[in-house]
Structure formats: C-alpha cells, structure tokens
Amino acid sequence: MPVASRKSPAPFLGEAATWRAVGASWRQLFGDFRCLGVSFEWHEFTSRDTFDWSRSFHPQSVEICLNLAGAAEVGPVGAPVRYGPWTAGFYRQGNSPLRAIRAAGEPHQFITVELSPAFLTRHLGDSPADLHPLILAALQDPGSDSGAGPVTALNTRQRELIATLQQPPVLASAQTLWFQAKAIELMGEFFFQPSSQEEFFCHRQQRVARDRVDAVLAILRRNIAQTPPLEQIAREVGCSQFYLSRTFSKETGQTIPQYLRQLRMEKAASLLRTGRFNVTEVALEVGYNSLSHFSQTFHQTYGCCPGLYPMALPAHAPAYSTR
C-alpha cells in the first residue's frame, strides 16, 4: 500500500466523492458539519481492494467510529489502531497525515459521528479534567498533529444506543435536539479517562473488565478453529469462568460462543470470497466438522448457503443487528 506523505494530510474530498469510489451505501442519518458542527453518517460496502477513506475527514475535526462489521486501521502513518467488529474509537484529523484503511473483500458496516472544533469547544470547553490528551489538544492547540484514541469493545448499553441511530424514537421535529444529545452522550462515553492518581474503584473495575475481554478476543482470533475450553481461557485471563462469562456478555452484548460463531462466519466468508477453497475446506478451516451445521449457521448469518455466497455479493452482507 502506498505510504502517505508526512508533510500534510490528504486533501479533503468530501463524503459523497470518497464513498462513490467503492460504490458504498452512504447516507447521512442526521446533521450538517458546517452549520450544526455535527454529522451522523451510515456506511455499508464491500471493497475489492484495500480502501483509504481518510479523504472524507474534515480538516481539524474529531470523528467517532462505531464499527459494526469489517476490519479497519486508523491512525498516523506507522502508528494505527485496529478496529474489529463491534468496536468503537475516535481520531482527529490535525495537521499531519492520518490514514484510515478498510480491509479488502470484507463487508463493512459502521457509523461515523463527525464533530467540528466549534461543537467540541461548545460542549467540552469548560470540562478539561480527565479529557483524553487527543481531545484536549483539539480544544487547546488547533495546529497540533493528527492522532487516534483507544479502540474498545462496544458494551450492551452502547449497542442499544447505536440501534436507535438509524430509527430515532422521536418525532422528526425533535430529531435535531435528540441527535445532538446522542452526540454529547457518545462524547461522554469515549472522550474521558480518569487520571492514574484519581482513578476510582469503578473505573478500575471497568478497565480490568475491558482488558479481560480484549484478552479473550485475542485468544478466540488466535484459535478460531480449535478454541480452548472456557476454563482454560479463564485461567489465561486470570479469573473464574463464571465471572468471565458474565463480564464478556456485559461488555460485548454477546456470549463467548456467540462471538466465536461471529468470528468463524466472518473468516468463512472471507475464505469463500477468495474462490480458492470449496465449502468443505472452509468449514474445516473455521472449526466445523459437520458440513450441514456449518451450512445452516452460514445461511442464518448471511442469508444464503455458502456455496452460493461468492455469487451473491454484495447483496448478502450480514444484517444490521445488535446481537
């Protein structure tokens, strides 16, 4: 992949022009970046090639990414952070290059929340305590470099919030107020971090829970075909299997077996898209010894049988769901 210049960010092309290049299903859920300072946007596509969408970033903006499907990397050149399914994070387009790479051959679904400097100042200007350094720099030093904040797994509450963004539960006349409130709520969710000296017990517990969930996700991805039993996973992350099951479900909104099935189906779809494997080979590669069980699970996920999946793209991307 070409490496962006370190001298300046890529020129801003705008959302429509950027997404048109990959035939993306792009639509604005709400807002106007220039007039209101906030914009909620829905993206859905499958790109045949690796795709850099950084040219859709407004200069000096901060953007929250709510990633539902597909793998991505966002960050300064040489220091990206990785997004997986059902994760979220934020990044800032400052005065240095920022790359935003979407993996080739994967169905991508995500919502971005674009925030202008004026919107950030209006709602965060009086509360610098505990703000993430990247957000603090956006408020206090408009000429600072670009950067990316941490990526975290979406918990049940956050997933429920996301589910409402496509179908707001209020009248059209109330949506301006409602969406701006959701933007502020998301800022509260992701932009603050307690200082190490003042970290409260509940924050420590939340951090430990997220760290354990991240460790489980790494184990599942590393052993997708032959996953260790739950008690072994629990030993590796340092807690009981019962506590781990409750923590994982609370943080991700899915049980460990449900999440593993999701990972296996995504890997299976990726292998089928290459055209180099038949259905039986793919089933074995992702840990299914029963071809009928694999085919049934794949059909439930993608809406077609695995043998027809490559011919059905892109119509059969996974359905938008909070589970």
C-alpha atoms as a PDB file:
ATOM      1  CA  MET A   1       0.000   0.000   0.000  1.00  0.00           C
ATOM      2  CA  PRO A   2       1.289   3.487  -0.738  1.00  0.00           C
ATOM      3  CA  VAL A   3       2.502   5.449   2.256  1.00  0.00           C
ATOM      4  CA  ALA A   4       1.030   8.916   2.691  1.00  0.00           C
ATOM      5  CA  SER A   5       3.320  11.930   2.795  1.00  0.00           C
ATOM      6  CA  ARG A   6       4.308  13.079   6.272  1.00  0.00           C
ATOM      7  CA  LYS A   7       4.158  16.750   5.258  1.00  0.00           C
ATOM      8  CA  SER A   8       0.406  17.284   5.089  1.00  0.00           C
ATOM      9  CA  PRO A   9      -2.916  15.452   5.343  1.00  0.00           C
ATOM     10  CA  ALA A  10      -4.556  14.065   2.214  1.00  0.00           C
ATOM     11  CA  PRO A  11      -6.794  16.690   0.563  1.00  0.00           C
ATOM     12  CA  PHE A  12     -10.404  16.619   1.741  1.00  0.00           C
ATOM     13  CA  LEU A  13     -12.685  15.201  -0.977  1.00  0.00           C
ATOM     14  CA  GLY A  14     -15.937  15.102   0.973  1.00  0.00           C
ATOM     15  CA  GLU A  15     -18.119  12.154   1.911  1.00  0.00           C
ATOM     16  CA  ALA A  16     -20.035  11.581  -1.309  1.00  0.00           C
ATOM     17  CA  ALA A  17     -16.957  11.688  -3.557  1.00  0.00           C
ATOM     18  CA  THR A  18     -14.927   9.432  -1.279  1.00  0.00           C
ATOM     19  CA  TRP A  19     -17.558   6.724  -0.878  1.00  0.00           C
ATOM     20  CA  ARG A  20     -18.602   6.813  -4.530  1.00  0.00           C
ATOM     21  CA  ALA A  21     -15.200   5.332  -5.366  1.00  0.00           C
ATOM     22  CA  VAL A  22     -16.150   2.000  -3.756  1.00  0.00           C
ATOM     23  CA  GLY A  23     -19.842   2.080  -4.558  1.00  0.00           C
ATOM     24  CA  ALA A  24     -20.614   2.471  -0.887  1.00  0.00           C
ATOM     25  CA  SER A  25     -24.084   2.746   0.547  1.00  0.00           C
ATOM     26  CA  TRP A  26     -23.509   6.091   2.272  1.00  0.00           C
ATOM     27  CA  ARG A  27     -26.229   8.189   3.806  1.00  0.00           C
ATOM     28  CA  GLN A  28     -26.411  10.958   6.306  1.00  0.00           C
ATOM     29  CA  LEU A  29     -28.528   9.947   9.275  1.00  0.00           C
ATOM     30  CA  PHE A  30     -28.551  13.476  10.646  1.00  0.00           C
ATOM     31  CA  GLY A  31     -26.713  16.755  10.732  1.00  0.00           C
ATOM     32  CA  ASP A  32     -24.651  19.273   8.888  1.00  0.00           C
ATOM     33  CA  PHE A  33     -20.959  19.506   9.764  1.00  0.00           C
ATOM     34  CA  ARG A  34     -20.597  23.122   8.645  1.00  0.00           C
ATOM     35  CA  CYS A  35     -23.841  24.554  10.068  1.00  0.00           C
ATOM     36  CA  LEU A  36     -24.503  22.409  13.144  1.00  0.00           C
ATOM     37  CA  GLY A  37     -20.975  21.132  13.745  1.00  0.00           C
ATOM     38  CA  VAL A  38     -22.111  17.501  13.933  1.00  0.00           C
ATOM     39  CA  SER A  39     -22.986  14.838  11.383  1.00  0.00           C
ATOM     40  CA  PHE A  40     -24.065  11.189  11.825  1.00  0.00           C
ATOM     41  CA  GLU A  41     -23.345   9.020   8.764  1.00  0.00           C
ATOM     42  CA  TRP A  42     -24.046   5.397   7.846  1.00  0.00           C
ATOM     43  CA  HIS A  43     -21.596   3.422   5.672  1.00  0.00           C
ATOM     44  CA  GLU A  44     -22.044  -0.034   4.157  1.00  0.00           C
ATOM     45  CA  PHE A  45     -19.959  -1.599   1.397  1.00  0.00           C
ATOM     46  CA  THR A  46     -17.619  -4.384   0.327  1.00  0.00           C
ATOM     47  CA  SER A  47     -14.467  -3.163  -1.399  1.00  0.00           C
ATOM     48  CA  ARG A  48     -12.495  -5.409  -3.744  1.00  0.00           C
ATOM     49  CA  ASP A  49      -9.296  -3.549  -2.835  1.00  0.00           C
ATOM     50  CA  THR A  50      -7.845  -2.051   0.334  1.00  0.00           C
ATOM     51  CA  PHE A  51      -9.510   1.339   0.701  1.00  0.00           C
ATOM     52  CA  ASP A  52      -8.305   4.518   2.438  1.00  0.00           C
ATOM     53  CA  TRP A  53     -11.228   6.716   3.449  1.00  0.00           C
ATOM     54  CA  SER A  54      -9.189   9.436   5.178  1.00  0.00           C
ATOM     55  CA  ARG A  55     -10.080  11.921   2.432  1.00  0.00           C
ATOM     56  CA  SER A  56     -13.589  12.025   3.864  1.00  0.00           C
ATOM     57  CA  PHE A  57     -12.241  13.525   7.128  1.00  0.00           C
ATOM     58  CA  HIS A  58     -12.928  17.210   7.632  1.00  0.00           C
ATOM     59  CA  PRO A  59      -9.783  19.229   8.495  1.00  0.00           C
ATOM     60  CA  GLN A  60      -9.376  19.779  12.260  1.00  0.00           C
ATOM     61  CA  SER A  61     -12.363  17.539  13.024  1.00  0.00           C
ATOM     62  CA  VAL A  62     -12.734  14.750  15.553  1.00  0.00           C
ATOM     63  CA  GLU A  63     -14.605  11.671  14.408  1.00  0.00           C
ATOM     64  CA  ILE A  64     -16.121   8.821  16.437  1.00  0.00           C
ATOM     65  CA  CYS A  65     -16.287   5.500  14.603  1.00  0.00           C
ATOM     66  CA  LEU A  66     -18.893   2.935  15.696  1.00  0.00           C
ATOM     67  CA  ASN A  67     -17.705  -0.147  13.832  1.00  0.00           C
ATOM     68  CA  LEU A  68     -20.278  -2.913  13.391  1.00  0.00           C
ATOM     69  CA  ALA A  69     -18.644  -5.119  10.753  1.00  0.00           C
ATOM     70  CA  GLY A  70     -15.318  -5.310   8.922  1.00  0.00           C
ATOM     71  CA  ALA A  71     -11.703  -4.743   9.922  1.00  0.00           C
ATOM     72  CA  ALA A  72     -10.089  -1.311   9.763  1.00  0.00           C
ATOM     73  CA  GLU A  73      -6.982   0.569  10.846  1.00  0.00           C
ATOM     74  CA  VAL A  74      -6.948   4.287  11.634  1.00  0.00           C
ATOM     75  CA  GLY A  75      -4.120   6.477  12.828  1.00  0.00           C
ATOM     76  CA  PRO A  76      -0.980   8.410  11.950  1.00  0.00           C
ATOM     77  CA  VAL A  77       1.346   6.808   9.425  1.00  0.00           C
ATOM     78  CA  GLY A  78       3.161   3.947  11.158  1.00  0.00           C
ATOM     79  CA  ALA A  79       1.030   4.013  14.326  1.00  0.00           C
ATOM     80  CA  PRO A  80      -2.517   2.835  13.534  1.00  0.00           C
ATOM     81  CA  VAL A  81      -5.083   1.389  15.927  1.00  0.00           C
ATOM     82  CA  ARG A  82      -7.180  -1.578  14.797  1.00  0.00           C
ATOM     83  CA  TYR A  83     -10.970  -1.771  14.663  1.00  0.00           C
ATOM     84  CA  GLY A  84     -12.740  -5.132  14.644  1.00  0.00           C
ATOM     85  CA  PRO A  85     -16.460  -5.915  14.560  1.00  0.00           C
ATOM     86  CA  TRP A  86     -18.473  -4.234  17.337  1.00  0.00           C
ATOM     87  CA  THR A  87     -15.754  -1.868  18.463  1.00  0.00           C
ATOM     88  CA  ALA A  88     -15.567   1.912  18.721  1.00  0.00           C
ATOM     89  CA  GLY A  89     -12.987   4.651  18.985  1.00  0.00           C
ATOM     90  CA  PHE A  90     -12.151   8.152  17.846  1.00  0.00           C
ATOM     91  CA  TYR A  91      -9.487  10.002  15.878  1.00  0.00           C
ATOM     92  CA  ARG A  92      -8.599  13.549  14.935  1.00  0.00           C
ATOM     93  CA  GLN A  93      -7.564  14.957  11.574  1.00  0.00           C
ATOM     94  CA  GLY A  94      -4.987  17.558  12.534  1.00  0.00           C
ATOM     95  CA  ASN A  95      -2.040  18.996  10.621  1.00  0.00           C
ATOM     96  CA  SER A  96      -0.301  15.703   9.837  1.00  0.00           C
ATOM     97  CA  PRO A  97      -1.345  12.719   7.682  1.00  0.00           C
ATOM     98  CA  LEU A  98      -3.954  10.334   9.000  1.00  0.00           C
ATOM     99  CA  ARG A  99      -4.588   7.024   7.271  1.00  0.00           C
ATOM    100  CA  ALA A 100      -7.880   5.130   7.500  1.00  0.00           C
ATOM    101  CA  ILE A 101      -7.676   1.697   5.891  1.00  0.00           C
ATOM    102  CA  ARG A 102     -10.597  -0.650   5.281  1.00  0.00           C
ATOM    103  CA  ALA A 103      -9.711  -4.299   4.563  1.00  0.00           C
ATOM    104  CA  ALA A 104     -10.386  -5.670   1.081  1.00  0.00           C
ATOM    105  CA  GLY A 105     -13.061  -8.283   0.470  1.00  0.00           C
ATOM    106  CA  GLU A 106     -14.928  -7.790   3.760  1.00  0.00           C
ATOM    107  CA  PRO A 107     -18.460  -6.493   4.314  1.00  0.00           C
ATOM    108  CA  HIS A 108     -18.118  -3.191   6.184  1.00  0.00           C
ATOM    109  CA  GLN A 109     -20.843  -1.550   8.259  1.00  0.00           C
ATOM    110  CA  PHE A 110     -20.152   1.430  10.502  1.00  0.00           C
ATOM    111  CA  ILE A 111     -21.483   4.756  11.708  1.00  0.00           C
ATOM    112  CA  THR A 112     -19.288   7.840  11.962  1.00  0.00           C
ATOM    113  CA  VAL A 113     -20.038  10.881  14.097  1.00  0.00           C
ATOM    114  CA  GLU A 114     -18.177  13.932  12.786  1.00  0.00           C
ATOM    115  CA  LEU A 115     -17.586  16.747  15.264  1.00  0.00           C
ATOM    116  CA  SER A 116     -16.342  20.225  14.398  1.00  0.00           C
ATOM    117  CA  PRO A 117     -13.934  22.262  16.577  1.00  0.00           C
ATOM    118  CA  ALA A 118     -16.771  24.669  17.397  1.00  0.00           C
ATOM    119  CA  PHE A 119     -19.068  21.852  18.560  1.00  0.00           C
ATOM    120  CA  LEU A 120     -16.302  20.386  20.714  1.00  0.00           C
ATOM    121  CA  THR A 121     -15.490  23.758  22.265  1.00  0.00           C
ATOM    122  CA  ARG A 122     -19.152  24.500  22.947  1.00  0.00           C
ATOM    123  CA  HIS A 123     -19.691  21.272  24.880  1.00  0.00           C
ATOM    124  CA  LEU A 124     -16.236  20.446  26.263  1.00  0.00           C
ATOM    125  CA  GLY A 125     -14.552  23.804  26.678  1.00  0.00           C
ATOM    126  CA  ASP A 126     -15.392  24.065  30.387  1.00  0.00           C
ATOM    127  CA  SER A 127     -14.508  20.473  31.315  1.00  0.00           C
ATOM    128  CA  PRO A 128     -10.830  19.771  30.536  1.00  0.00           C
ATOM    129  CA  ALA A 129     -10.381  17.477  33.567  1.00  0.00           C
ATOM    130  CA  ASP A 130      -9.962  13.818  32.571  1.00  0.00           C
ATOM    131  CA  LEU A 131     -10.265  14.537  28.853  1.00  0.00           C
ATOM    132  CA  HIS A 132      -8.188  12.277  26.635  1.00  0.00           C
ATOM    133  CA  PRO A 133      -4.992  14.146  25.544  1.00  0.00           C
ATOM    134  CA  LEU A 134      -6.044  13.994  21.878  1.00  0.00           C
ATOM    135  CA  ILE A 135      -9.316  15.789  22.632  1.00  0.00           C
ATOM    136  CA  LEU A 136      -7.539  18.264  24.899  1.00  0.00           C
ATOM    137  CA  ALA A 137      -5.132  19.049  22.042  1.00  0.00           C
ATOM    138  CA  ALA A 138      -8.057  19.584  19.669  1.00  0.00           C
ATOM    139  CA  LEU A 139      -9.506  22.145  22.087  1.00  0.00           C
ATOM    140  CA  GLN A 140      -6.312  23.940  23.086  1.00  0.00           C
ATOM    141  CA  ASP A 141      -3.969  23.601  20.116  1.00  0.00           C
ATOM    142  CA  PRO A 142      -5.728  23.634  16.724  1.00  0.00           C
ATOM    143  CA  GLY A 143      -2.350  23.337  14.981  1.00  0.00           C
ATOM    144  CA  SER A 144      -1.435  20.033  16.654  1.00  0.00           C
ATOM    145  CA  ASP A 145      -0.860  16.746  14.838  1.00  0.00           C
ATOM    146  CA  SER A 146      -3.414  14.096  13.967  1.00  0.00           C
ATOM    147  CA  GLY A 147      -3.938  11.125  16.255  1.00  0.00           C
ATOM    148  CA  ALA A 148      -6.117   8.172  17.179  1.00  0.00           C
ATOM    149  CA  GLY A 149      -7.619   7.304  20.551  1.00  0.00           C
ATOM    150  CA  PRO A 150      -8.066   3.815  22.010  1.00  0.00           C
ATOM    151  CA  VAL A 151     -10.427   1.258  20.473  1.00  0.00           C
ATOM    152  CA  THR A 152     -12.803  -0.540  22.852  1.00  0.00           C
ATOM    153  CA  ALA A 153     -15.434  -3.260  22.519  1.00  0.00           C
ATOM    154  CA  LEU A 154     -18.979  -1.914  22.418  1.00  0.00           C
ATOM    155  CA  ASN A 155     -20.919  -2.890  25.525  1.00  0.00           C
ATOM    156  CA  THR A 156     -24.638  -3.662  25.662  1.00  0.00           C
ATOM    157  CA  ARG A 157     -25.668  -0.111  26.526  1.00  0.00           C
ATOM    158  CA  GLN A 158     -23.645   1.340  23.660  1.00  0.00           C
ATOM    159  CA  ARG A 159     -25.046  -1.207  21.209  1.00  0.00           C
ATOM    160  CA  GLU A 160     -28.559  -0.254  22.222  1.00  0.00           C
ATOM    161  CA  LEU A 161     -27.719   3.410  21.643  1.00  0.00           C
ATOM    162  CA  ILE A 162     -26.370   2.601  18.158  1.00  0.00           C
ATOM    163  CA  ALA A 163     -29.509   0.648  17.281  1.00  0.00           C
ATOM    164  CA  THR A 164     -31.603   3.794  17.789  1.00  0.00           C
ATOM    165  CA  LEU A 165     -29.500   5.987  15.489  1.00  0.00           C
ATOM    166  CA  GLN A 166     -30.995   4.576  12.280  1.00  0.00           C
ATOM    167  CA  GLN A 167     -34.560   4.806  13.611  1.00  0.00           C
ATOM    168  CA  PRO A 168     -34.761   7.652  16.151  1.00  0.00           C
ATOM    169  CA  PRO A 169     -37.583   7.118  18.676  1.00  0.00           C
ATOM    170  CA  VAL A 170     -38.755  10.746  18.438  1.00  0.00           C
ATOM    171  CA  LEU A 171     -40.774  12.907  16.064  1.00  0.00           C
ATOM    172  CA  ALA A 172     -38.955  14.486  13.128  1.00  0.00           C
ATOM    173  CA  SER A 173     -39.370  17.905  14.741  1.00  0.00           C
ATOM    174  CA  ALA A 174     -37.428  16.687  17.797  1.00  0.00           C
ATOM    175  CA  GLN A 175     -34.581  14.955  15.949  1.00  0.00           C
ATOM    176  CA  THR A 176     -32.194  17.920  15.923  1.00  0.00           C
ATOM    177  CA  LEU A 177     -32.313  18.044  19.722  1.00  0.00           C
ATOM    178  CA  TRP A 178     -32.240  14.229  20.035  1.00  0.00           C
ATOM    179  CA  PHE A 179     -29.227  13.663  17.749  1.00  0.00           C
ATOM    180  CA  GLN A 180     -27.212  16.443  19.349  1.00  0.00           C
ATOM    181  CA  ALA A 181     -27.913  14.850  22.732  1.00  0.00           C
ATOM    182  CA  LYS A 182     -26.701  11.484  21.348  1.00  0.00           C
ATOM    183  CA  ALA A 183     -23.506  13.144  20.097  1.00  0.00           C
ATOM    184  CA  ILE A 184     -22.875  14.583  23.574  1.00  0.00           C
ATOM    185  CA  GLU A 185     -23.631  11.182  25.128  1.00  0.00           C
ATOM    186  CA  LEU A 186     -21.080   9.489  22.849  1.00  0.00           C
ATOM    187  CA  MET A 187     -18.500  12.151  23.697  1.00  0.00           C
ATOM    188  CA  GLY A 188     -19.081  11.350  27.365  1.00  0.00           C
ATOM    189  CA  GLU A 189     -18.677   7.631  26.645  1.00  0.00           C
ATOM    190  CA  PHE A 190     -15.373   7.831  24.768  1.00  0.00           C
ATOM    191  CA  PHE A 191     -13.531  11.136  25.333  1.00  0.00           C
ATOM    192  CA  PHE A 192     -12.857  10.982  29.082  1.00  0.00           C
ATOM    193  CA  GLN A 193     -10.293   8.950  31.004  1.00  0.00           C
ATOM    194  CA  PRO A 194      -9.538   9.225  34.733  1.00  0.00           C
ATOM    195  CA  SER A 195      -6.005  10.207  35.710  1.00  0.00           C
ATOM    196  CA  SER A 196      -3.933   7.439  37.281  1.00  0.00           C
ATOM    197  CA  GLN A 197      -3.848   9.301  40.602  1.00  0.00           C
ATOM    198  CA  GLU A 198      -7.614   9.752  40.722  1.00  0.00           C
ATOM    199  CA  GLU A 199      -8.887   6.540  39.171  1.00  0.00           C
ATOM    200  CA  PHE A 200     -11.963   5.463  41.095  1.00  0.00           C
ATOM    201  CA  PHE A 201     -12.658   1.851  42.000  1.00  0.00           C
ATOM    202  CA  CYS A 202     -15.486   1.549  39.462  1.00  0.00           C
ATOM    203  CA  HIS A 203     -13.226   2.872  36.702  1.00  0.00           C
ATOM    204  CA  ARG A 204     -10.538   0.363  37.643  1.00  0.00           C
ATOM    205  CA  GLN A 205     -13.122  -2.408  37.539  1.00  0.00           C
ATOM    206  CA  GLN A 206     -14.315  -1.280  34.120  1.00  0.00           C
ATOM    207  CA  ARG A 207     -10.753  -1.117  32.810  1.00  0.00           C
ATOM    208  CA  VAL A 208      -9.933  -4.572  34.134  1.00  0.00           C
ATOM    209  CA  ALA A 209     -13.130  -5.932  32.570  1.00  0.00           C
ATOM    210  CA  ARG A 210     -12.267  -4.401  29.175  1.00  0.00           C
ATOM    211  CA  ASP A 211      -8.712  -5.740  29.377  1.00  0.00           C
ATOM    212  CA  ARG A 212     -10.032  -9.231  30.074  1.00  0.00           C
ATOM    213  CA  VAL A 213     -12.484  -9.038  27.188  1.00  0.00           C
ATOM    214  CA  ASP A 214      -9.688  -7.862  24.866  1.00  0.00           C
ATOM    215  CA  ALA A 215      -7.579 -10.820  26.013  1.00  0.00           C
ATOM    216  CA  VAL A 216     -10.438 -13.233  25.288  1.00  0.00           C
ATOM    217  CA  LEU A 217     -10.931 -11.748  21.820  1.00  0.00           C
ATOM    218  CA  ALA A 218      -7.229 -12.239  21.083  1.00  0.00           C
ATOM    219  CA  ILE A 219      -7.444 -15.883  22.203  1.00  0.00           C
ATOM    220  CA  LEU A 220     -10.524 -16.522  20.048  1.00  0.00           C
ATOM    221  CA  ARG A 221      -8.948 -14.983  16.956  1.00  0.00           C
ATOM    222  CA  ARG A 222      -5.705 -16.880  17.524  1.00  0.00           C
ATOM    223  CA  ASN A 223      -7.500 -20.232  17.910  1.00  0.00           C
ATOM    224  CA  ILE A 224     -10.541 -19.770  15.691  1.00  0.00           C
ATOM    225  CA  ALA A 225     -10.672 -23.416  14.522  1.00  0.00           C
ATOM    226  CA  GLN A 226      -9.742 -25.104  17.807  1.00  0.00           C
ATOM    227  CA  THR A 227     -10.791 -22.813  20.606  1.00  0.00           C
ATOM    228  CA  PRO A 228      -9.602 -23.758  24.125  1.00  0.00           C
ATOM    229  CA  PRO A 229     -12.316 -24.698  26.646  1.00  0.00           C
ATOM    230  CA  LEU A 230     -13.770 -21.859  28.702  1.00  0.00           C
ATOM    231  CA  GLU A 231     -11.950 -22.860  31.887  1.00  0.00           C
ATOM    232  CA  GLN A 232      -8.593 -22.672  30.089  1.00  0.00           C
ATOM    233  CA  ILE A 233      -9.449 -19.248  28.654  1.00  0.00           C
ATOM    234  CA  ALA A 234     -10.460 -18.093  32.140  1.00  0.00           C
ATOM    235  CA  ARG A 235      -7.132 -19.265  33.571  1.00  0.00           C
ATOM    236  CA  GLU A 236      -5.257 -17.352  30.875  1.00  0.00           C
ATOM    237  CA  VAL A 237      -7.044 -14.092  31.659  1.00  0.00           C
ATOM    238  CA  GLY A 238      -6.920 -14.593  35.429  1.00  0.00           C
ATOM    239  CA  CYS A 239     -10.484 -15.072  36.666  1.00  0.00           C
ATOM    240  CA  SER A 240     -13.165 -17.737  37.116  1.00  0.00           C
ATOM    241  CA  GLN A 241     -15.065 -18.981  34.075  1.00  0.00           C
ATOM    242  CA  PHE A 242     -18.399 -17.869  35.590  1.00  0.00           C
ATOM    243  CA  TYR A 243     -17.155 -14.324  36.218  1.00  0.00           C
ATOM    244  CA  LEU A 244     -15.575 -14.207  32.760  1.00  0.00           C
ATOM    245  CA  SER A 245     -18.809 -15.277  31.062  1.00  0.00           C
ATOM    246  CA  ARG A 246     -20.795 -12.558  32.854  1.00  0.00           C
ATOM    247  CA  THR A 247     -18.148  -9.896  32.159  1.00  0.00           C
ATOM    248  CA  PHE A 248     -17.836 -10.789  28.478  1.00  0.00           C
ATOM    249  CA  SER A 249     -21.607 -10.698  27.939  1.00  0.00           C
ATOM    250  CA  LYS A 250     -21.939  -7.368  29.756  1.00  0.00           C
ATOM    251  CA  GLU A 251     -19.110  -5.712  27.793  1.00  0.00           C
ATOM    252  CA  THR A 252     -19.908  -7.055  24.313  1.00  0.00           C
ATOM    253  CA  GLY A 253     -23.604  -7.909  24.396  1.00  0.00           C
ATOM    254  CA  GLN A 254     -22.801 -11.464  23.266  1.00  0.00           C
ATOM    255  CA  THR A 255     -21.803 -14.698  24.938  1.00  0.00           C
ATOM    256  CA  ILE A 256     -18.371 -16.120  24.155  1.00  0.00           C
ATOM    257  CA  PRO A 257     -19.859 -18.884  21.933  1.00  0.00           C
ATOM    258  CA  GLN A 258     -21.944 -16.285  20.045  1.00  0.00           C
ATOM    259  CA  TYR A 259     -18.904 -14.107  19.459  1.00  0.00           C
ATOM    260  CA  LEU A 260     -16.843 -17.104  18.346  1.00  0.00           C
ATOM    261  CA  ARG A 261     -19.542 -18.047  15.856  1.00  0.00           C
ATOM    262  CA  GLN A 262     -19.467 -14.497  14.503  1.00  0.00           C
ATOM    263  CA  LEU A 263     -15.679 -14.644  14.066  1.00  0.00           C
ATOM    264  CA  ARG A 264     -15.908 -18.024  12.351  1.00  0.00           C
ATOM    265  CA  MET A 265     -18.573 -16.851   9.926  1.00  0.00           C
ATOM    266  CA  GLU A 266     -16.576 -13.727   9.060  1.00  0.00           C
ATOM    267  CA  LYS A 267     -13.486 -15.855   8.424  1.00  0.00           C
ATOM    268  CA  ALA A 268     -15.524 -18.327   6.376  1.00  0.00           C
ATOM    269  CA  ALA A 269     -16.987 -15.546   4.243  1.00  0.00           C
ATOM    270  CA  SER A 270     -13.510 -14.105   3.691  1.00  0.00           C
ATOM    271  CA  LEU A 271     -12.161 -17.500   2.548  1.00  0.00           C
ATOM    272  CA  LEU A 272     -15.119 -18.116   0.225  1.00  0.00           C
ATOM    273  CA  ARG A 273     -14.648 -14.725  -1.406  1.00  0.00           C
ATOM    274  CA  THR A 274     -11.130 -15.679  -2.458  1.00  0.00           C
ATOM    275  CA  GLY A 275     -12.504 -18.507  -4.612  1.00  0.00           C
ATOM    276  CA  ARG A 276      -9.589 -20.737  -3.616  1.00  0.00           C
ATOM    277  CA  PHE A 277     -11.484 -23.004  -1.194  1.00  0.00           C
ATOM    278  CA  ASN A 278     -14.549 -25.184  -1.505  1.00  0.00           C
ATOM    279  CA  VAL A 279     -17.252 -25.246   1.156  1.00  0.00           C
ATOM    280  CA  THR A 280     -15.915 -28.353   2.927  1.00  0.00           C
ATOM    281  CA  GLU A 281     -12.400 -26.894   3.164  1.00  0.00           C
ATOM    282  CA  VAL A 282     -13.744 -23.640   4.550  1.00  0.00           C
ATOM    283  CA  ALA A 283     -15.898 -25.433   7.135  1.00  0.00           C
ATOM    284  CA  LEU A 284     -12.890 -27.372   8.432  1.00  0.00           C
ATOM    285  CA  GLU A 285     -10.683 -24.277   8.367  1.00  0.00           C
ATOM    286  CA  VAL A 286     -13.014 -22.406  10.754  1.00  0.00           C
ATOM    287  CA  GLY A 287     -13.629 -25.327  13.105  1.00  0.00           C
ATOM    288  CA  TYR A 288     -16.787 -27.069  11.837  1.00  0.00           C
ATOM    289  CA  ASN A 289     -16.630 -30.859  11.469  1.00  0.00           C
ATOM    290  CA  SER A 290     -20.268 -31.047  10.377  1.00  0.00           C
ATOM    291  CA  LEU A 291     -20.870 -29.601   6.923  1.00  0.00           C
ATOM    292  CA  SER A 292     -24.628 -29.395   7.497  1.00  0.00           C
ATOM    293  CA  HIS A 293     -24.144 -27.471  10.768  1.00  0.00           C
ATOM    294  CA  PHE A 294     -21.727 -25.092   9.042  1.00  0.00           C
ATOM    295  CA  SER A 295     -24.109 -24.516   6.112  1.00  0.00           C
ATOM    296  CA  GLN A 296     -27.056 -23.875   8.441  1.00  0.00           C
ATOM    297  CA  THR A 297     -25.100 -21.379  10.551  1.00  0.00           C
ATOM    298  CA  PHE A 298     -23.724 -19.613   7.470  1.00  0.00           C
ATOM    299  CA  HIS A 299     -27.230 -19.300   5.991  1.00  0.00           C
ATOM    300  CA  GLN A 300     -28.526 -17.814   9.239  1.00  0.00           C
ATOM    301  CA  THR A 301     -25.712 -15.238   9.175  1.00  0.00           C
ATOM    302  CA  TYR A 302     -25.548 -14.242   5.506  1.00  0.00           C
ATOM    303  CA  GLY A 303     -28.949 -15.223   4.156  1.00  0.00           C
ATOM    304  CA  CYS A 304     -27.685 -17.703   1.567  1.00  0.00           C
ATOM    305  CA  CYS A 305     -25.912 -21.049   1.518  1.00  0.00           C
ATOM    306  CA  PRO A 306     -22.090 -20.924   1.487  1.00  0.00           C
ATOM    307  CA  GLY A 307     -21.834 -22.421  -1.995  1.00  0.00           C
ATOM    308  CA  LEU A 308     -23.779 -19.506  -3.489  1.00  0.00           C
ATOM    309  CA  TYR A 309     -22.251 -16.783  -1.329  1.00  0.00           C
ATOM    310  CA  PRO A 310     -19.482 -15.605  -3.722  1.00  0.00           C
ATOM    311  CA  MET A 311     -22.064 -15.132  -6.492  1.00  0.00           C
ATOM    312  CA  ALA A 312     -24.437 -13.248  -4.199  1.00  0.00           C
ATOM    313  CA  LEU A 313     -22.071 -10.426  -3.178  1.00  0.00           C
ATOM    314  CA  PRO A 314     -22.587  -7.712  -2.125  1.00  0.00           C
ATOM    315  CA  ALA A 315     -26.307  -8.244  -1.534  1.00  0.00           C
ATOM    316  CA  HIS A 316     -25.877 -10.692   1.352  1.00  0.00           C
ATOM    317  CA  ALA A 317     -23.762  -8.794   3.834  1.00  0.00           C
ATOM    318  CA  PRO A 318     -24.667  -9.570   7.466  1.00  0.00           C
ATOM    319  CA  ALA A 319     -27.862  -7.859   8.554  1.00  0.00           C
ATOM    320  CA  TYR A 320     -27.569  -4.850  10.875  1.00  0.00           C
ATOM    321  CA  SER A 321     -28.187  -6.193  14.356  1.00  0.00           C
ATOM    322  CA  THR A 322     -27.230  -5.529  17.931  1.00  0.00           C
ATOM    323  CA  ARG A 323     -26.713  -9.242  18.606  1.00  0.00           C
END
